[in-house]
Amino acid sequence: MNYLNFNPSSRPTAMGSKGMATSAHPLASLAGINVLNKGGNAFDAIVGIASTLNVVEPFMSGMGGVGFGLVYQAMKKKLKFLDFSGFAPELADPGKFTEESKNIGSWAPVVPCNLAGWLTIQEELGVLDREQVFEDAINHAQNGIPVTYFHHTMFSNSAPRLSKFPSGSIILDSKGKAPLPGSRLQMPELAESFRQVASGGRDVFYKGAIAEKIINSMKKYGGLITQDDLDKAKAEWSDPISVNYKGYDIFTSPPHSSGFQALETLKLIETLDSSDIKFQDPEFIHFIIESTKLTATDRIAYWNADRDKTPLKELLSNSYAKSQAARISGDHVSAVQGEIFNPDASKDFLTPGDLDAYDGGMTTHFAVADRDGNVVTITQTLGGGFGSALAPEGTGIFLNNMGNWFALEKGSSNLMGPLKRQDNPMCPMQIFKDGEFQFSIGTPGSWGILQTTPQMIVNLLDFNMNIQQAIDSPRLKTVGGKKVEMEARFPYSLVNALDIKGHEISLLPDWSPGVGGAQGIYLNQSEGIYQGGSDPRRDGFAIGI
């Protein structure tokens, strides 16, 4: 099937021969391009994008957050995974937490490691000075950014959380109201924090002036993060995990990420005959829905923070995929416990697969590629809107609430605990064919990331859509029981057919940020031309040079 058979994309597909940057905001993408135009490479430009997102998308990510990255060095043909996702403070005691305290306030943050990740990439592989890569973020924070309509919605939705702490004044006015679209938002404290980092590097954040303000804030509000925790903060290199899907090698983040769920879903789809893979066909969509239920159930049952203790070899094998796919009936709709561990799950809900059948998150996503073919793909987050809603005084940096991604129920492998890493749905992906880079793709969307990312990959590899069309195409996700949320752009005939089968359909808006905010890059290797796509569901923008 050719992309010309589909509706035109919502916007022109970005093109470039010397580089591509795509992110959730045009100013952040432009910051990446500016770094490339200064002579920087992708490893420099990714920091320009990441830091500027802290300014233009402060509710989603920033220095107070955590993330995962895939880093491809073209000259060496080397792809590595970088984990800068943080960990629970040493004082974290699951018996003392409540659902509220792990969601908002001074107990909610895990140790923030985004800055460690950015600077590990830039200092080890980049070619510019730190001052050059942070320049746009500093300027935008100091001089102000235009408030978009999406900003206003997100700021207003978070106003009740932000109002609980004095640092809410970074965003809200004296009456607790969000700035209006078209107004200017300035963040001078954040600008000064970036100046300090640009000058002094990571030690300023983890050992110096900013660290001192973080610890003072923890003491003031009874928080858990200590200087000993900050001393342990780092980014760690390892190998990504992968599957081969119809001749393409698809790489993503290993456990403690739960990215293997998305890969397992693709392996189930691969069991279908090509004649059964039809665009927006009721039987095919039913199969996708049921596949995601099976793989989510497996993820809840088999995930372990220790990569070696997660049975990846079995879960991602061809034989296990066949055994799982055989459980899917065209006439039966299964029910699932939801997206996370549920100790009260009904006995009627799906159970995980039998591994003996084997024989042999608020989040943002962005990517950049340069003239040499280097590509960096990152998903990072604060957890919820503005994370913990707490920014240490004088920093302008909102701390994450990734504590909310831990379980408090005994019996869960994701139980909160000292220095533990949480089950994390972020799964940036890069796709190769015959050893050559083809695609970078990823999206925010909490647990929905693990469902919507495979849908975009099917759009790319099975339906041959261009990168913008693959991102534009309507998405769906299961949310527990027999419930399925679908964007209203799906044809009525499809929705009706799924309803008749027994799926409980809820329609989302035509373009719902609830199913993500994807960014993608494609490289036509024979022509040396990049194509970039960015999600219209948020303020996303792709720019090529």
Protein backbone atom coordinates (compact mmCIF):
# COMPACT_ATOMS: atom_id res chain seq x y z
CA MET A 1 0.00 0.00 0.00
CA ASN A 2 1.35 3.44 -0.92
CA TYR A 3 1.15 6.56 1.22
CA LEU A 4 -0.60 8.29 -1.71
CA ASN A 5 -3.63 6.11 -1.01
CA PHE A 6 -4.19 7.92 2.29
CA ASN A 7 -5.52 11.37 3.06
CA PRO A 8 -2.99 14.22 2.84
CA SER A 9 -1.17 14.89 6.10
CA SER A 10 -2.26 17.69 8.42
CA ARG A 11 0.83 19.69 7.48
CA PRO A 12 3.68 19.36 4.99
CA THR A 13 6.27 16.73 5.84
CA ALA A 14 9.46 18.58 6.85
CA MET A 15 12.46 17.90 4.62
CA GLY A 16 16.20 18.45 4.99
CA SER A 17 19.53 17.23 3.67
CA LYS A 18 21.79 18.50 6.47
CA GLY A 19 19.73 17.80 9.56
CA MET A 20 16.30 17.44 11.16
CA ALA A 21 14.92 18.45 14.55
CA THR A 22 11.47 17.58 15.81
CA SER A 23 9.92 18.30 19.19
CA ALA A 24 6.77 19.38 20.98
CA HIS A 25 7.33 23.10 20.31
CA PRO A 26 8.69 25.07 17.32
CA LEU A 27 11.10 27.11 19.47
CA ALA A 28 12.65 23.92 20.85
CA SER A 29 13.04 22.40 17.38
CA LEU A 30 14.53 25.69 16.18
CA ALA A 31 16.98 25.62 19.09
CA GLY A 32 18.23 22.27 17.80
CA ILE A 33 18.62 23.66 14.29
CA ASN A 34 20.44 26.72 15.66
CA VAL A 35 22.97 24.45 17.36
CA LEU A 36 23.51 22.52 14.12
CA ASN A 37 24.01 25.81 12.27
CA LYS A 38 26.69 26.80 14.79
CA GLY A 39 28.66 23.75 13.71
CA GLY A 40 27.35 21.45 16.39
CA ASN A 41 26.35 17.84 15.86
CA ALA A 42 23.25 15.91 16.94
CA PHE A 43 24.81 15.27 20.36
CA ASP A 44 25.05 19.03 20.94
CA ALA A 45 21.70 19.85 19.36
CA ILE A 46 19.76 17.42 21.53
CA VAL A 47 20.70 19.51 24.59
CA GLY A 48 19.54 22.67 22.85
CA ILE A 49 16.16 21.04 22.27
CA ALA A 50 15.90 19.45 25.73
CA SER A 51 16.78 22.62 27.63
CA THR A 52 14.48 24.80 25.53
CA LEU A 53 11.62 22.36 26.13
CA ASN A 54 12.14 23.08 29.84
CA VAL A 55 11.11 26.67 29.01
CA VAL A 56 8.40 26.19 26.39
CA GLU A 57 6.87 23.03 27.85
CA PRO A 58 7.54 23.36 31.61
CA PHE A 59 4.61 21.12 32.52
CA MET A 60 6.11 18.13 30.68
CA SER A 61 9.84 18.01 31.25
CA GLY A 62 12.96 19.81 32.37
CA MET A 63 16.04 19.61 34.58
CA GLY A 64 13.88 18.33 37.43
CA GLY A 65 12.74 15.31 35.42
CA VAL A 66 13.95 11.95 34.13
CA GLY A 67 14.34 10.27 30.76
CA PHE A 68 15.60 7.64 28.34
CA GLY A 69 17.63 8.10 25.18
CA LEU A 70 18.77 6.18 22.11
CA VAL A 71 22.04 7.54 20.73
CA TYR A 72 23.23 6.48 17.26
CA GLN A 73 26.79 7.23 16.12
CA ALA A 74 26.72 6.88 12.35
CA MET A 75 30.47 6.68 11.73
CA LYS A 76 30.80 3.78 14.16
CA LYS A 77 27.39 2.31 13.24
CA LYS A 78 26.85 2.10 16.99
CA LEU A 79 23.51 2.44 18.78
CA LYS A 80 23.50 2.74 22.58
CA PHE A 81 20.81 3.25 25.19
CA LEU A 82 21.23 5.90 27.90
CA ASP A 83 19.26 5.61 31.13
CA PHE A 84 18.83 8.83 33.09
CA SER A 85 15.53 7.92 34.70
CA GLY A 86 16.42 8.50 38.32
CA PHE A 87 15.61 6.41 41.39
CA ALA A 88 13.68 6.64 44.63
CA PRO A 89 15.40 8.46 47.51
CA GLU A 90 17.13 6.27 50.07
CA LEU A 91 14.53 7.36 52.64
CA ALA A 92 11.59 6.10 50.53
CA ASP A 93 9.50 3.76 52.68
CA PRO A 94 6.40 2.33 50.95
CA GLY A 95 4.64 1.88 54.28
CA LYS A 96 4.68 5.62 54.89
CA PHE A 97 3.47 6.79 51.46
CA THR A 98 -0.09 7.56 50.47
CA GLU A 99 -1.46 7.88 46.95
CA GLU A 100 -1.42 11.66 47.43
CA SER A 101 2.11 11.94 48.83
CA LYS A 102 3.61 10.01 45.91
CA ASN A 103 1.76 12.26 43.49
CA ILE A 104 2.29 15.81 44.74
CA GLY A 105 4.69 17.62 47.03
CA SER A 106 8.09 16.95 48.49
CA TRP A 107 7.78 13.14 48.78
CA ALA A 108 6.79 12.67 45.14
CA PRO A 109 10.11 13.27 43.31
CA VAL A 110 12.63 10.62 42.44
CA VAL A 111 16.20 11.87 42.08
CA PRO A 112 16.17 14.00 38.89
CA CYS A 113 18.66 12.81 36.28
CA ASN A 114 17.71 14.59 33.05
CA LEU A 115 20.62 17.01 33.26
CA ALA A 116 23.03 14.13 33.87
CA GLY A 117 21.70 12.49 30.71
CA TRP A 118 21.90 15.62 28.54
CA LEU A 119 25.43 16.42 29.59
CA THR A 120 26.65 12.83 29.33
CA ILE A 121 25.66 12.87 25.65
CA GLN A 122 27.01 16.35 24.94
CA GLU A 123 30.26 16.15 26.87
CA GLU A 124 31.21 12.69 25.57
CA LEU A 125 30.12 13.11 21.94
CA GLY A 126 29.44 16.79 21.21
CA VAL A 127 31.85 19.39 19.80
CA LEU A 128 30.55 22.73 21.13
CA ASP A 129 30.92 24.50 24.46
CA ARG A 130 28.07 24.19 26.96
CA GLU A 131 27.32 27.92 26.69
CA GLN A 132 26.52 27.49 23.02
CA VAL A 133 24.04 24.64 23.47
CA PHE A 134 22.17 26.34 26.34
CA GLU A 135 22.01 29.75 24.65
CA ASP A 136 18.44 29.50 23.29
CA ALA A 137 17.01 28.13 26.55
CA ILE A 138 18.58 30.98 28.53
CA ASN A 139 17.31 33.63 26.10
CA HIS A 140 13.75 32.28 26.01
CA ALA A 141 13.54 31.90 29.78
CA GLN A 142 14.90 35.41 30.35
CA ASN A 143 13.03 37.28 27.62
CA GLY A 144 9.83 35.27 27.66
CA ILE A 145 7.87 33.02 25.33
CA PRO A 146 4.43 33.54 23.76
CA VAL A 147 1.78 31.58 25.64
CA THR A 148 -0.02 29.26 23.20
CA TYR A 149 -3.57 28.00 23.50
CA PHE A 150 -2.21 24.57 24.43
CA HIS A 151 -0.06 26.21 27.11
CA HIS A 152 -3.08 28.00 28.55
CA THR A 153 -5.06 24.74 28.72
CA MET A 154 -2.22 22.87 30.43
CA PHE A 155 -1.44 25.75 32.82
CA SER A 156 -5.12 26.09 33.76
CA ASN A 157 -5.52 22.35 34.32
CA SER A 158 -2.49 22.39 36.64
CA ALA A 159 -3.41 25.56 38.52
CA PRO A 160 -4.95 23.72 41.53
CA ARG A 161 -1.71 21.73 41.96
CA LEU A 162 0.60 24.69 41.43
CA SER A 163 -1.33 26.85 43.89
CA LYS A 164 -0.34 24.58 46.78
CA PHE A 165 3.22 25.96 46.76
CA PRO A 166 4.73 29.46 46.50
CA SER A 167 6.60 28.33 43.39
CA GLY A 168 3.27 28.30 41.57
CA SER A 169 3.89 32.00 41.00
CA ILE A 170 6.42 31.00 38.32
CA ILE A 171 3.40 30.28 36.11
CA LEU A 172 0.31 31.74 37.80
CA ASP A 173 -0.59 35.36 38.57
CA SER A 174 -1.36 36.73 42.04
CA LYS A 175 -4.93 35.43 41.78
CA GLY A 176 -3.82 31.93 40.84
CA LYS A 177 -4.85 32.33 37.20
CA ALA A 178 -2.95 30.98 34.22
CA PRO A 179 -1.53 33.41 31.66
CA LEU A 180 -3.74 33.99 28.62
CA PRO A 181 -2.91 32.88 25.07
CA GLY A 182 -0.82 35.50 23.36
CA SER A 183 0.68 36.86 26.57
CA ARG A 184 4.37 36.62 27.46
CA LEU A 185 5.71 34.19 30.09
CA GLN A 186 9.14 34.96 31.54
CA MET A 187 11.06 32.66 33.88
CA PRO A 188 14.14 34.60 35.07
CA GLU A 189 14.98 32.15 37.86
CA LEU A 190 15.10 29.30 35.36
CA ALA A 191 17.29 31.43 33.09
CA GLU A 192 19.75 31.94 35.94
CA SER A 193 19.78 28.21 36.71
CA PHE A 194 20.66 27.51 33.08
CA ARG A 195 23.42 30.13 33.17
CA GLN A 196 24.92 28.41 36.19
CA VAL A 197 24.75 24.99 34.50
CA ALA A 198 26.20 26.37 31.26
CA SER A 199 29.12 27.78 33.21
CA GLY A 200 29.72 25.10 35.83
CA GLY A 201 28.28 21.90 34.38
CA ARG A 202 26.46 19.14 36.23
CA ASP A 203 28.25 19.74 39.53
CA VAL A 204 26.29 23.00 39.94
CA PHE A 205 23.06 21.00 39.87
CA TYR A 206 24.13 17.95 41.88
CA LYS A 207 26.72 19.36 44.28
CA GLY A 208 26.71 23.16 44.04
CA ALA A 209 24.37 26.12 44.24
CA ILE A 210 21.30 24.46 42.71
CA ALA A 211 21.81 21.31 44.78
CA GLU A 212 21.84 23.44 47.90
CA LYS A 213 18.50 25.00 46.96
CA ILE A 214 16.99 21.58 46.25
CA ILE A 215 18.10 20.28 49.66
CA ASN A 216 16.88 23.42 51.42
CA SER A 217 13.49 22.94 49.78
CA MET A 218 13.39 19.30 50.88
CA LYS A 219 14.10 20.37 54.44
CA LYS A 220 11.50 23.14 54.33
CA TYR A 221 8.73 20.87 53.07
CA GLY A 222 9.79 17.65 54.78
CA GLY A 223 11.00 16.00 51.57
CA LEU A 224 13.08 12.86 51.13
CA ILE A 225 15.88 13.71 48.68
CA THR A 226 19.23 14.23 50.41
CA GLN A 227 22.66 15.29 49.23
CA ASP A 228 23.69 11.64 49.34
CA ASP A 229 20.94 10.91 46.81
CA LEU A 230 22.09 13.71 44.51
CA ASP A 231 25.65 12.40 44.77
CA LYS A 232 24.44 9.10 43.30
CA ALA A 233 22.72 10.71 40.30
CA LYS A 234 24.14 9.61 36.97
CA ALA A 235 23.33 8.48 33.44
CA GLU A 236 24.20 4.90 32.51
CA TRP A 237 25.01 3.49 29.05
CA SER A 238 23.83 0.03 28.05
CA ASP A 239 22.54 -1.84 25.02
CA PRO A 240 18.96 -1.38 23.82
CA ILE A 241 16.63 -4.33 23.30
CA SER A 242 15.22 -5.19 19.89
CA VAL A 243 13.06 -7.41 17.74
CA ASN A 244 13.07 -8.05 14.03
CA TYR A 245 9.71 -7.11 12.53
CA LYS A 246 9.31 -8.07 8.86
CA GLY A 247 12.96 -7.43 8.08
CA TYR A 248 13.31 -4.27 10.18
CA ASP A 249 15.28 -4.21 13.43
CA ILE A 250 13.34 -2.18 15.99
CA PHE A 251 15.29 -0.97 19.04
CA THR A 252 14.01 0.51 22.27
CA SER A 253 14.74 0.93 25.96
CA PRO A 254 15.35 -2.18 28.13
CA PRO A 255 13.93 -2.83 31.61
CA HIS A 256 13.43 -1.12 33.93
CA SER A 257 11.55 0.44 30.98
CA SER A 258 8.51 -1.54 29.92
CA GLY A 259 9.23 -0.90 26.25
CA PHE A 260 9.26 -4.66 25.68
CA GLN A 261 5.43 -4.52 25.76
CA ALA A 262 5.43 -2.49 22.53
CA LEU A 263 7.89 -4.89 20.91
CA GLU A 264 5.82 -7.89 21.99
CA THR A 265 2.73 -6.30 20.43
CA LEU A 266 4.56 -6.00 17.11
CA LYS A 267 5.59 -9.65 17.30
CA LEU A 268 1.94 -10.66 17.72
CA ILE A 269 0.95 -8.55 14.71
CA GLU A 270 3.74 -10.19 12.72
CA THR A 271 1.99 -13.55 13.10
CA LEU A 272 -0.85 -12.37 10.85
CA ASP A 273 -0.93 -13.09 7.16
CA SER A 274 -0.25 -9.92 5.16
CA SER A 275 -3.76 -10.16 3.66
CA ASP A 276 -5.21 -9.75 7.17
CA ILE A 277 -3.43 -6.44 7.78
CA LYS A 278 -5.88 -3.94 6.36
CA PHE A 279 -6.09 -0.24 7.17
CA GLN A 280 -8.92 0.49 9.67
CA ASP A 281 -10.40 -2.97 9.08
CA PRO A 282 -12.58 -4.11 12.04
CA GLU A 283 -10.95 -7.55 12.29
CA PHE A 284 -7.43 -6.13 12.20
CA ILE A 285 -8.22 -3.39 14.75
CA HIS A 286 -9.86 -6.00 16.99
CA PHE A 287 -6.64 -8.03 16.79
CA ILE A 288 -4.56 -4.97 17.74
CA ILE A 289 -6.83 -4.24 20.71
CA GLU A 290 -6.70 -7.80 21.98
CA SER A 291 -2.93 -7.96 21.40
CA THR A 292 -2.33 -4.89 23.54
CA LYS A 293 -4.41 -6.43 26.33
CA LEU A 294 -2.32 -9.59 26.25
CA THR A 295 0.99 -7.75 26.19
CA ALA A 296 -0.03 -5.32 28.93
CA THR A 297 -1.00 -8.29 31.10
CA ASP A 298 2.39 -9.86 30.43
CA ARG A 299 4.17 -6.62 31.28
CA ILE A 300 2.40 -6.35 34.64
CA ALA A 301 3.20 -9.97 35.45
CA TYR A 302 6.76 -10.32 34.17
CA TRP A 303 8.36 -6.86 34.38
CA ASN A 304 11.31 -6.55 36.72
CA ALA A 305 13.53 -3.54 37.35
CA ASP A 306 16.46 -5.89 36.77
CA ARG A 307 16.82 -6.44 33.04
CA ASP A 308 18.27 -9.90 33.58
CA LYS A 309 15.24 -10.96 35.62
CA THR A 310 12.70 -9.95 32.95
CA PRO A 311 12.17 -12.94 30.61
CA LEU A 312 12.78 -10.94 27.43
CA LYS A 313 14.07 -13.85 25.38
CA GLU A 314 10.79 -15.68 25.88
CA LEU A 315 8.44 -12.69 25.68
CA LEU A 316 9.90 -11.48 22.38
CA SER A 317 10.31 -14.84 20.68
CA ASN A 318 8.45 -15.93 17.54
CA SER A 319 7.09 -19.05 19.21
CA TYR A 320 5.67 -17.14 22.18
CA ALA A 321 4.10 -14.62 19.80
CA LYS A 322 2.34 -17.46 17.99
CA SER A 323 1.06 -18.95 21.24
CA GLN A 324 -0.24 -15.59 22.43
CA ALA A 325 -1.81 -14.74 19.07
CA ALA A 326 -3.63 -18.09 19.19
CA ARG A 327 -5.45 -16.85 22.30
CA ILE A 328 -7.13 -14.09 20.29
CA SER A 329 -10.59 -14.90 18.98
CA GLY A 330 -12.37 -12.79 16.40
CA ASP A 331 -15.62 -13.29 18.33
CA HIS A 332 -14.42 -12.74 21.90
CA VAL A 333 -13.56 -9.52 23.71
CA SER A 334 -11.36 -10.03 26.76
CA ALA A 335 -11.25 -7.88 29.89
CA VAL A 336 -8.05 -6.65 31.52
CA GLN A 337 -7.25 -5.40 35.00
CA GLY A 338 -6.02 -2.05 33.66
CA GLU A 339 -2.65 -0.50 32.97
CA ILE A 340 -0.97 -1.21 36.33
CA PHE A 341 -0.90 -3.92 39.00
CA ASN A 342 -4.34 -4.42 40.57
CA PRO A 343 -4.43 -6.69 43.64
CA ASP A 344 -8.24 -6.81 43.44
CA ALA A 345 -8.39 -7.87 39.79
CA SER A 346 -11.32 -10.12 38.92
CA LYS A 347 -10.64 -13.77 38.16
CA ASP A 348 -12.42 -13.14 34.86
CA PHE A 349 -9.67 -10.78 33.70
CA LEU A 350 -6.90 -11.90 31.38
CA THR A 351 -4.00 -13.80 32.86
CA PRO A 352 -0.46 -13.53 31.51
CA GLY A 353 0.78 -15.95 28.90
CA ASP A 354 2.47 -19.24 29.74
CA LEU A 355 6.18 -18.65 29.18
CA ASP A 356 6.64 -22.40 28.82
CA ALA A 357 5.17 -21.88 25.35
CA TYR A 358 8.53 -20.34 24.47
CA ASP A 359 10.85 -22.82 22.76
CA GLY A 360 14.20 -21.74 22.10
CA GLY A 361 3.25 9.09 31.81
CA MET A 362 3.15 14.08 31.48
CA THR A 363 5.92 13.28 29.04
CA THR A 364 7.59 14.68 25.94
CA HIS A 365 9.44 13.15 23.02
CA PHE A 366 12.00 14.72 20.67
CA ALA A 367 14.73 13.78 18.25
CA VAL A 368 17.48 15.29 16.15
CA ALA A 369 19.65 14.09 13.26
CA ASP A 370 22.68 15.78 11.71
CA ARG A 371 24.51 15.95 8.39
CA ASP A 372 26.70 12.98 9.34
CA GLY A 373 23.77 10.67 10.05
CA ASN A 374 24.01 10.78 13.85
CA VAL A 375 20.59 10.51 15.50
CA VAL A 376 19.47 11.03 19.10
CA THR A 377 15.98 10.03 20.22
CA ILE A 378 14.78 10.95 23.72
CA THR A 379 11.62 10.56 25.77
CA GLN A 380 11.65 12.41 29.07
CA THR A 381 9.11 13.44 31.68
CA LEU A 382 8.17 15.17 34.90
CA GLY A 383 5.56 12.47 35.52
CA GLY A 384 2.35 14.50 35.87
CA GLY A 385 1.60 18.09 34.95
CA PHE A 386 4.46 20.12 36.49
CA GLY A 387 5.51 16.91 38.24
CA SER A 388 5.34 17.30 42.00
CA ALA A 389 4.14 20.93 41.50
CA LEU A 390 7.08 21.99 43.69
CA ALA A 391 10.00 24.05 42.43
CA PRO A 392 12.80 24.69 44.96
CA GLU A 393 12.93 28.40 45.77
CA GLY A 394 15.15 30.43 43.48
CA THR A 395 15.62 27.73 40.81
CA GLY A 396 12.57 27.89 38.53
CA ILE A 397 12.95 24.10 38.22
CA PHE A 398 9.89 21.96 38.87
CA LEU A 399 10.73 18.57 40.37
CA ASN A 400 9.15 15.41 38.95
CA ASN A 401 6.55 13.20 40.61
CA MET A 402 7.83 9.89 39.29
CA GLY A 403 7.19 8.42 42.73
CA ASN A 404 3.63 8.15 41.43
CA TRP A 405 4.80 5.47 38.99
CA PHE A 406 5.63 3.12 41.87
CA ALA A 407 3.08 0.77 43.41
CA LEU A 408 2.31 0.72 47.14
CA GLU A 409 0.51 -2.65 47.11
CA LYS A 410 2.46 -5.63 48.41
CA GLY A 411 2.89 -8.26 45.75
CA SER A 412 3.75 -5.81 42.99
CA SER A 413 7.20 -6.11 41.43
CA ASN A 414 7.01 -2.32 41.10
CA LEU A 415 6.74 -1.72 44.87
CA MET A 416 8.20 1.57 46.10
CA GLY A 417 11.48 1.23 47.98
CA PRO A 418 14.87 2.86 48.74
CA LEU A 419 16.96 3.56 45.61
CA LYS A 420 14.56 1.53 43.45
CA ARG A 421 13.74 2.29 39.82
CA GLN A 422 10.11 2.28 38.76
CA ASP A 423 8.25 0.55 35.95
CA ASN A 424 8.40 3.20 33.25
CA PRO A 425 6.42 3.27 29.98
CA MET A 426 8.79 5.57 28.08
CA CYS A 427 10.11 3.77 25.00
CA PRO A 428 11.90 5.87 22.38
CA MET A 429 12.51 3.80 19.27
CA GLN A 430 14.91 3.67 16.35
CA ILE A 431 14.37 1.39 13.36
CA PHE A 432 17.09 -0.03 11.10
CA LYS A 433 17.09 -2.12 7.93
CA ASP A 434 20.16 -4.06 6.84
CA GLY A 435 22.17 -2.19 9.47
CA GLU A 436 21.19 1.25 8.17
CA PHE A 437 19.17 3.83 10.13
CA GLN A 438 15.62 4.28 8.82
CA PHE A 439 13.34 5.84 11.45
CA SER A 440 13.26 7.53 14.82
CA ILE A 441 9.80 7.43 16.40
CA GLY A 442 8.28 7.95 19.83
CA THR A 443 5.56 9.64 21.79
CA PRO A 444 4.48 10.69 25.27
CA GLY A 445 1.21 9.35 26.65
CA SER A 446 1.79 7.50 29.94
CA TRP A 447 0.94 3.78 29.66
CA GLY A 448 -0.69 4.53 26.32
CA ILE A 449 2.82 4.98 24.88
CA LEU A 450 3.17 1.21 24.78
CA GLN A 451 -0.02 0.91 22.69
CA THR A 452 0.16 3.89 20.33
CA THR A 453 3.82 3.48 19.34
CA PRO A 454 3.22 0.08 17.66
CA GLN A 455 0.25 1.60 15.80
CA MET A 456 2.53 4.26 14.29
CA ILE A 457 5.13 1.64 13.36
CA VAL A 458 2.45 -0.40 11.56
CA ASN A 459 1.48 2.78 9.70
CA LEU A 460 5.10 3.21 8.60
CA LEU A 461 6.13 -0.35 7.82
CA ASP A 462 2.89 -2.11 6.82
CA PHE A 463 0.98 0.75 5.20
CA ASN A 464 4.01 2.68 3.89
CA MET A 465 2.75 6.03 5.14
CA ASN A 466 5.15 8.93 5.21
CA ILE A 467 6.34 10.01 8.65
CA GLN A 468 3.79 12.83 9.03
CA GLN A 469 0.87 10.66 7.91
CA ALA A 470 1.91 7.89 10.30
CA ILE A 471 1.81 10.38 13.17
CA ASP A 472 -1.45 12.02 12.03
CA SER A 473 -3.38 8.77 11.64
CA PRO A 474 -6.03 8.31 14.39
CA ARG A 475 -5.06 6.22 17.41
CA LEU A 476 -6.76 4.16 20.07
CA LYS A 477 -5.90 2.61 23.41
CA THR A 478 -7.39 0.16 25.91
CA VAL A 479 -7.86 1.48 29.44
CA GLY A 480 -9.16 -1.44 31.50
CA GLY A 481 -11.96 -3.98 31.39
CA LYS A 482 -13.35 -3.96 27.84
CA LYS A 483 -13.00 -0.19 27.48
CA VAL A 484 -11.34 1.28 24.41
CA GLU A 485 -10.74 4.97 23.79
CA MET A 486 -10.69 5.98 20.10
CA GLU A 487 -10.19 9.30 18.41
CA ALA A 488 -13.44 10.38 16.73
CA ARG A 489 -11.78 10.49 13.29
CA PHE A 490 -12.05 6.71 13.02
CA PRO A 491 -14.86 5.77 10.60
CA TYR A 492 -18.26 5.24 12.19
CA SER A 493 -18.52 1.85 10.46
CA LEU A 494 -15.37 0.69 12.28
CA VAL A 495 -16.51 1.99 15.66
CA ASN A 496 -19.88 0.34 15.19
CA ALA A 497 -18.33 -3.00 14.20
CA LEU A 498 -16.12 -2.98 17.30
CA ASP A 499 -19.11 -2.08 19.46
CA ILE A 500 -21.04 -5.05 18.06
CA LYS A 501 -18.12 -7.33 18.95
CA GLY A 502 -18.42 -6.22 22.58
CA HIS A 503 -15.75 -3.53 22.92
CA GLU A 504 -16.91 -0.63 25.09
CA ILE A 505 -15.98 2.35 22.93
CA SER A 506 -15.47 5.89 24.20
CA LEU A 507 -14.79 8.55 21.61
CA LEU A 508 -12.05 11.07 22.22
CA PRO A 509 -11.80 14.41 20.40
CA ASP A 510 -10.70 14.20 16.76
CA TRP A 511 -7.13 15.16 17.72
CA SER A 512 -6.61 14.11 21.33
CA PRO A 513 -3.38 14.75 23.26
CA GLY A 514 -4.54 11.82 25.38
CA VAL A 515 -3.10 9.47 22.75
CA GLY A 516 0.25 11.17 22.59
CA GLY A 517 2.33 13.87 20.97
CA ALA A 518 4.61 11.97 18.62
CA GLN A 519 7.77 13.06 16.81
CA GLY A 520 9.47 11.18 13.98
CA ILE A 521 12.40 11.28 11.59
CA TYR A 522 12.93 9.22 8.42
CA LEU A 523 16.17 9.06 6.45
CA ASN A 524 16.06 8.15 2.78
CA GLN A 525 19.47 6.52 2.69
CA SER A 526 19.79 6.45 -1.09
CA GLU A 527 19.12 10.19 -1.43
CA GLY A 528 20.53 11.40 1.88
CA ILE A 529 17.30 13.28 2.61
CA TYR A 530 15.60 13.50 6.01
CA GLN A 531 11.84 13.68 6.45
CA GLY A 532 10.41 14.90 9.74
CA GLY A 533 6.96 14.57 11.27
CA SER A 534 5.48 16.22 14.35
CA ASP A 535 2.20 15.77 16.15
CA PRO A 536 -0.60 18.32 15.61
CA ARG A 537 -2.24 17.02 18.79
CA ARG A 538 0.11 19.34 20.70
CA ASP A 539 2.35 22.26 19.69
CA GLY A 540 4.79 19.98 17.87
CA PHE A 541 6.96 21.13 14.97
CA ALA A 542 9.62 19.53 12.76
CA ILE A 543 12.30 21.62 11.03
CA GLY A 544 14.80 20.44 8.43
CA ILE A 545 17.88 22.11 7.00
